[in-house]
Amino acid sequence: MWRSIKYEEVYLHAYKSVAETRAGIGRYLSVYNSRRPHSSLDRKTPDQAYFNALPAISAAA
């Protein structure tokens, strides 16, 4: 994940302040987790993989 943040966000933007950097990385993480499918998760987003698995975990407990 950190490699993705570096190459797809940080290296592509010339941030002028820490606040701007935090906002940019925050937006990137939002897209990374909610809109970007991952091959290791069977083309699901991390949010889909995690939140869809929660009811099954809760039912087992």
PDB file of N, CA and C in Angstrom:
ATOM      1  N   MET A   1       0.806  -1.179   0.000  1.00  0.00           N
ATOM      2  CA  MET A   1       0.000   0.000   0.000  1.00  0.00           C
ATOM      3  C   MET A   1       0.861   1.259   0.000  1.00  0.00           C
ATOM      4  N   TRP A   2       1.932   1.277   0.777  1.00  0.00           N
ATOM      5  CA  TRP A   2       2.757   2.496   0.845  1.00  0.00           C
ATOM      6  C   TRP A   2       3.423   2.789  -0.493  1.00  0.00           C
ATOM      7  N   ARG A   3       3.777   1.770  -1.224  1.00  0.00           N
ATOM      8  CA  ARG A   3       4.355   1.993  -2.544  1.00  0.00           C
ATOM      9  C   ARG A   3       3.324   2.656  -3.458  1.00  0.00           C
ATOM     10  N   SER A   4       2.090   2.208  -3.386  1.00  0.00           N
ATOM     11  CA  SER A   4       1.021   2.805  -4.188  1.00  0.00           C
ATOM     12  C   SER A   4       0.827   4.273  -3.829  1.00  0.00           C
ATOM     13  N   ILE A   5       0.811   4.580  -2.551  1.00  0.00           N
ATOM     14  CA  ILE A   5       0.643   5.974  -2.116  1.00  0.00           C
ATOM     15  C   ILE A   5       1.791   6.825  -2.641  1.00  0.00           C
ATOM     16  N   LYS A   6       3.008   6.330  -2.525  1.00  0.00           N
ATOM     17  CA  LYS A   6       4.161   7.105  -2.987  1.00  0.00           C
ATOM     18  C   LYS A   6       4.103   7.363  -4.487  1.00  0.00           C
ATOM     19  N   TYR A   7       3.921   6.309  -5.271  1.00  0.00           N
ATOM     20  CA  TYR A   7       4.007   6.448  -6.720  1.00  0.00           C
ATOM     21  C   TYR A   7       2.762   7.031  -7.358  1.00  0.00           C
ATOM     22  N   GLU A   8       1.593   6.779  -6.805  1.00  0.00           N
ATOM     23  CA  GLU A   8       0.358   7.231  -7.424  1.00  0.00           C
ATOM     24  C   GLU A   8      -0.158   8.546  -6.855  1.00  0.00           C
ATOM     25  N   GLU A   9       0.380   8.996  -5.747  1.00  0.00           N
ATOM     26  CA  GLU A   9      -0.115  10.240  -5.152  1.00  0.00           C
ATOM     27  C   GLU A   9       1.020  11.207  -4.819  1.00  0.00           C
ATOM     28  N   VAL A  10       1.907  10.836  -3.927  1.00  0.00           N
ATOM     29  CA  VAL A  10       2.901  11.767  -3.402  1.00  0.00           C
ATOM     30  C   VAL A  10       3.868  12.239  -4.484  1.00  0.00           C
ATOM     31  N   TYR A  11       4.410  11.325  -5.274  1.00  0.00           N
ATOM     32  CA  TYR A  11       5.389  11.717  -6.287  1.00  0.00           C
ATOM     33  C   TYR A  11       4.766  12.520  -7.430  1.00  0.00           C
ATOM     34  N   LEU A  12       3.464  12.437  -7.621  1.00  0.00           N
ATOM     35  CA  LEU A  12       2.803  13.133  -8.726  1.00  0.00           C
ATOM     36  C   LEU A  12       2.348  14.543  -8.366  1.00  0.00           C
ATOM     37  N   HIS A  13       2.360  14.893  -7.079  1.00  0.00           N
ATOM     38  CA  HIS A  13       1.883  16.199  -6.635  1.00  0.00           C
ATOM     39  C   HIS A  13       2.973  16.930  -5.869  1.00  0.00           C
ATOM     40  N   ALA A  14       3.095  18.206  -6.117  1.00  0.00           N
ATOM     41  CA  ALA A  14       4.065  19.036  -5.399  1.00  0.00           C
ATOM     42  C   ALA A  14       3.323  19.765  -4.279  1.00  0.00           C
ATOM     43  N   TYR A  15       3.185  19.100  -3.147  1.00  0.00           N
ATOM     44  CA  TYR A  15       2.461  19.687  -2.032  1.00  0.00           C
ATOM     45  C   TYR A  15       3.237  20.852  -1.450  1.00  0.00           C
ATOM     46  N   LYS A  16       2.502  21.885  -1.049  1.00  0.00           N
ATOM     47  CA  LYS A  16       3.126  23.089  -0.515  1.00  0.00           C
ATOM     48  C   LYS A  16       3.088  23.136   1.020  1.00  0.00           C
ATOM     49  N   SER A  17       2.266  22.296   1.631  1.00  0.00           N
ATOM     50  CA  SER A  17       2.168  22.312   3.091  1.00  0.00           C
ATOM     51  C   SER A  17       1.802  20.920   3.600  1.00  0.00           C
ATOM     52  N   VAL A  18       1.958  20.741   4.894  1.00  0.00           N
ATOM     53  CA  VAL A  18       1.596  19.474   5.521  1.00  0.00           C
ATOM     54  C   VAL A  18       0.092  19.259   5.436  1.00  0.00           C
ATOM     55  N   ALA A  19      -0.683  20.315   5.623  1.00  0.00           N
ATOM     56  CA  ALA A  19      -2.143  20.191   5.554  1.00  0.00           C
ATOM     57  C   ALA A  19      -2.583  19.753   4.157  1.00  0.00           C
ATOM     58  N   GLU A  20      -1.973  20.316   3.140  1.00  0.00           N
ATOM     59  CA  GLU A  20      -2.289  19.938   1.766  1.00  0.00           C
ATOM     60  C   GLU A  20      -1.903  18.483   1.503  1.00  0.00           C
ATOM     61  N   THR A  21      -0.783  18.063   2.044  1.00  0.00           N
ATOM     62  CA  THR A  21      -0.337  16.683   1.896  1.00  0.00           C
ATOM     63  C   THR A  21      -1.318  15.721   2.565  1.00  0.00           C
ATOM     64  N   ARG A  22      -1.717  16.036   3.772  1.00  0.00           N
ATOM     65  CA  ARG A  22      -2.686  15.186   4.490  1.00  0.00           C
ATOM     66  C   ARG A  22      -4.002  15.080   3.733  1.00  0.00           C
ATOM     67  N   ALA A  23      -4.475  16.197   3.201  1.00  0.00           N
ATOM     68  CA  ALA A  23      -5.739  16.185   2.457  1.00  0.00           C
ATOM     69  C   ALA A  23      -5.609  15.334   1.199  1.00  0.00           C
ATOM     70  N   GLY A  24      -4.497  15.476   0.484  1.00  0.00           N
ATOM     71  CA  GLY A  24      -4.277  14.700  -0.737  1.00  0.00           C
ATOM     72  C   GLY A  24      -4.190  13.209  -0.463  1.00  0.00           C
ATOM     73  N   ILE A  25      -3.452  12.840   0.562  1.00  0.00           N
ATOM     74  CA  ILE A  25      -3.324  11.424   0.910  1.00  0.00           C
ATOM     75  C   ILE A  25      -4.656  10.886   1.422  1.00  0.00           C
ATOM     76  N   GLY A  26      -5.405  11.696   2.158  1.00  0.00           N
ATOM     77  CA  GLY A  26      -6.729  11.287   2.623  1.00  0.00           C
ATOM     78  C   GLY A  26      -7.670  10.988   1.466  1.00  0.00           C
ATOM     79  N   ARG A  27      -7.657  11.855   0.446  1.00  0.00           N
ATOM     80  CA  ARG A  27      -8.484  11.614  -0.737  1.00  0.00           C
ATOM     81  C   ARG A  27      -8.037  10.346  -1.448  1.00  0.00           C
ATOM     82  N   TYR A  28      -6.728  10.157  -1.560  1.00  0.00           N
ATOM     83  CA  TYR A  28      -6.211   8.966  -2.227  1.00  0.00           C
ATOM     84  C   TYR A  28      -6.647   7.702  -1.485  1.00  0.00           C
ATOM     85  N   LEU A  29      -6.544   7.691  -0.170  1.00  0.00           N
ATOM     86  CA  LEU A  29      -6.938   6.514   0.611  1.00  0.00           C
ATOM     87  C   LEU A  29      -8.427   6.227   0.494  1.00  0.00           C
ATOM     88  N   SER A  30      -9.211   7.269   0.385  1.00  0.00           N
ATOM     89  CA  SER A  30     -10.646   7.074   0.188  1.00  0.00           C
ATOM     90  C   SER A  30     -10.914   6.356  -1.131  1.00  0.00           C
ATOM     91  N   VAL A  31     -10.263   6.790  -2.190  1.00  0.00           N
ATOM     92  CA  VAL A  31     -10.410   6.135  -3.492  1.00  0.00           C
ATOM     93  C   VAL A  31      -9.833   4.719  -3.440  1.00  0.00           C
ATOM     94  N   TYR A  32      -8.680   4.567  -2.812  1.00  0.00           N
ATOM     95  CA  TYR A  32      -8.006   3.274  -2.717  1.00  0.00           C
ATOM     96  C   TYR A  32      -8.890   2.235  -2.027  1.00  0.00           C
ATOM     97  N   ASN A  33      -9.582   2.652  -0.990  1.00  0.00           N
ATOM     98  CA  ASN A  33     -10.391   1.718  -0.207  1.00  0.00           C
ATOM     99  C   ASN A  33     -11.808   1.518  -0.726  1.00  0.00           C
ATOM    100  N   SER A  34     -12.390   2.533  -1.355  1.00  0.00           N
ATOM    101  CA  SER A  34     -13.801   2.423  -1.701  1.00  0.00           C
ATOM    102  C   SER A  34     -14.097   2.295  -3.191  1.00  0.00           C
ATOM    103  N   ARG A  35     -13.176   2.691  -4.061  1.00  0.00           N
ATOM    104  CA  ARG A  35     -13.491   2.667  -5.490  1.00  0.00           C
ATOM    105  C   ARG A  35     -12.532   1.846  -6.339  1.00  0.00           C
ATOM    106  N   ARG A  36     -11.370   1.525  -5.830  1.00  0.00           N
ATOM    107  CA  ARG A  36     -10.356   0.852  -6.627  1.00  0.00           C
ATOM    108  C   ARG A  36     -10.364  -0.653  -6.364  1.00  0.00           C
ATOM    109  N   PRO A  37     -10.727  -1.455  -7.371  1.00  0.00           N
ATOM    110  CA  PRO A  37     -10.715  -2.911  -7.165  1.00  0.00           C
ATOM    111  C   PRO A  37      -9.279  -3.438  -7.056  1.00  0.00           C
ATOM    112  N   HIS A  38      -9.097  -4.466  -6.266  1.00  0.00           N
ATOM    113  CA  HIS A  38      -7.773  -5.051  -6.042  1.00  0.00           C
ATOM    114  C   HIS A  38      -7.759  -6.493  -6.529  1.00  0.00           C
ATOM    115  N   SER A  39      -6.740  -6.860  -7.253  1.00  0.00           N
ATOM    116  CA  SER A  39      -6.653  -8.222  -7.790  1.00  0.00           C
ATOM    117  C   SER A  39      -6.547  -9.254  -6.673  1.00  0.00           C
ATOM    118  N   SER A  40      -5.888  -8.909  -5.582  1.00  0.00           N
ATOM    119  CA  SER A  40      -5.735  -9.867  -4.482  1.00  0.00           C
ATOM    120  C   SER A  40      -7.045 -10.086  -3.719  1.00  0.00           C
ATOM    121  N   LEU A  41      -8.023  -9.231  -3.944  1.00  0.00           N
ATOM    122  CA  LEU A  41      -9.327  -9.355  -3.281  1.00  0.00           C
ATOM    123  C   LEU A  41     -10.402  -9.798  -4.266  1.00  0.00           C
ATOM    124  N   ASP A  42      -9.994 -10.484  -5.302  1.00  0.00           N
ATOM    125  CA  ASP A  42     -10.923 -10.989  -6.320  1.00  0.00           C
ATOM    126  C   ASP A  42     -11.699  -9.854  -6.978  1.00  0.00           C
ATOM    127  N   ARG A  43     -10.975  -8.771  -7.307  1.00  0.00           N
ATOM    128  CA  ARG A  43     -11.510  -7.587  -7.983  1.00  0.00           C
ATOM    129  C   ARG A  43     -12.567  -6.842  -7.152  1.00  0.00           C
ATOM    130  N   LYS A  44     -12.500  -6.981  -5.837  1.00  0.00           N
ATOM    131  CA  LYS A  44     -13.358  -6.214  -4.940  1.00  0.00           C
ATOM    132  C   LYS A  44     -12.540  -5.073  -4.362  1.00  0.00           C
ATOM    133  N   THR A  45     -13.229  -4.063  -3.879  1.00  0.00           N
ATOM    134  CA  THR A  45     -12.537  -3.000  -3.162  1.00  0.00           C
ATOM    135  C   THR A  45     -12.283  -3.483  -1.738  1.00  0.00           C
ATOM    136  N   PRO A  46     -11.332  -2.910  -1.026  1.00  0.00           N
ATOM    137  CA  PRO A  46     -11.126  -3.309   0.368  1.00  0.00           C
ATOM    138  C   PRO A  46     -12.388  -3.117   1.223  1.00  0.00           C
ATOM    139  N   ASP A  47     -13.137  -2.046   0.974  1.00  0.00           N
ATOM    140  CA  ASP A  47     -14.377  -1.843   1.725  1.00  0.00           C
ATOM    141  C   ASP A  47     -15.368  -2.972   1.474  1.00  0.00           C
ATOM    142  N   GLN A  48     -15.533  -3.387   0.220  1.00  0.00           N
ATOM    143  CA  GLN A  48     -16.449  -4.480  -0.098  1.00  0.00           C
ATOM    144  C   GLN A  48     -15.991  -5.777   0.565  1.00  0.00           C
ATOM    145  N   ALA A  49     -14.713  -6.057   0.502  1.00  0.00           N
ATOM    146  CA  ALA A  49     -14.190  -7.300   1.072  1.00  0.00           C
ATOM    147  C   ALA A  49     -14.369  -7.322   2.591  1.00  0.00           C
ATOM    148  N   TYR A  50     -14.134  -6.192   3.241  1.00  0.00           N
ATOM    149  CA  TYR A  50     -14.220  -6.143   4.698  1.00  0.00           C
ATOM    150  C   TYR A  50     -15.666  -6.080   5.179  1.00  0.00           C
ATOM    151  N   PHE A  51     -16.431  -5.119   4.670  1.00  0.00           N
ATOM    152  CA  PHE A  51     -17.774  -4.897   5.190  1.00  0.00           C
ATOM    153  C   PHE A  51     -18.751  -5.999   4.791  1.00  0.00           C
ATOM    154  N   ASN A  52     -18.555  -6.639   3.657  1.00  0.00           N
ATOM    155  CA  ASN A  52     -19.431  -7.742   3.281  1.00  0.00           C
ATOM    156  C   ASN A  52     -19.133  -8.993   4.118  1.00  0.00           C
ATOM    157  N   ALA A  53     -17.958  -9.086   4.677  1.00  0.00           N
ATOM    158  CA  ALA A  53     -17.593 -10.234   5.502  1.00  0.00           C
ATOM    159  C   ALA A  53     -18.041 -10.063   6.956  1.00  0.00           C
ATOM    160  N   LEU A  54     -18.359  -8.875   7.377  1.00  0.00           N
ATOM    161  CA  LEU A  54     -18.727  -8.631   8.777  1.00  0.00           C
ATOM    162  C   LEU A  54     -19.948  -9.409   9.241  1.00  0.00           C
ATOM    163  N   PRO A  55     -21.056  -9.452   8.510  1.00  0.00           N
ATOM    164  CA  PRO A  55     -22.207 -10.220   9.017  1.00  0.00           C
ATOM    165  C   PRO A  55     -21.884 -11.690   9.259  1.00  0.00           C
ATOM    166  N   ALA A  56     -21.072 -12.287   8.409  1.00  0.00           N
ATOM    167  CA  ALA A  56     -20.701 -13.681   8.603  1.00  0.00           C
ATOM    168  C   ALA A  56     -19.860 -13.865   9.871  1.00  0.00           C
ATOM    169  N   ILE A  57     -19.007 -12.914  10.140  1.00  0.00           N
ATOM    170  CA  ILE A  57     -18.176 -12.983  11.347  1.00  0.00           C
ATOM    171  C   ILE A  57     -19.061 -12.792  12.577  1.00  0.00           C
ATOM    172  N   SER A  58     -19.975 -11.837  12.537  1.00  0.00           N
ATOM    173  CA  SER A  58     -20.859 -11.573  13.671  1.00  0.00           C
ATOM    174  C   SER A  58     -21.769 -12.766  13.958  1.00  0.00           C
ATOM    175  N   ALA A  59     -22.265 -13.404  12.912  1.00  0.00           N
ATOM    176  CA  ALA A  59     -23.139 -14.549  13.091  1.00  0.00           C
ATOM    177  C   ALA A  59     -22.409 -15.730  13.730  1.00  0.00           C
ATOM    178  N   ALA A  60     -21.132 -15.845  13.451  1.00  0.00           N
ATOM    179  CA  ALA A  60     -20.350 -16.948  13.989  1.00  0.00           C
ATOM    180  C   ALA A  60     -20.034 -16.735  15.476  1.00  0.00           C
ATOM    181  N   ALA A  61     -20.022 -15.499  15.927  1.00  0.00           N
ATOM    182  CA  ALA A  61     -19.636 -15.204  17.304  1.00  0.00           C
ATOM    183  C   ALA A  61     -20.697 -15.443  18.284  1.00  0.00           C
TER     184      ALA A  61
END
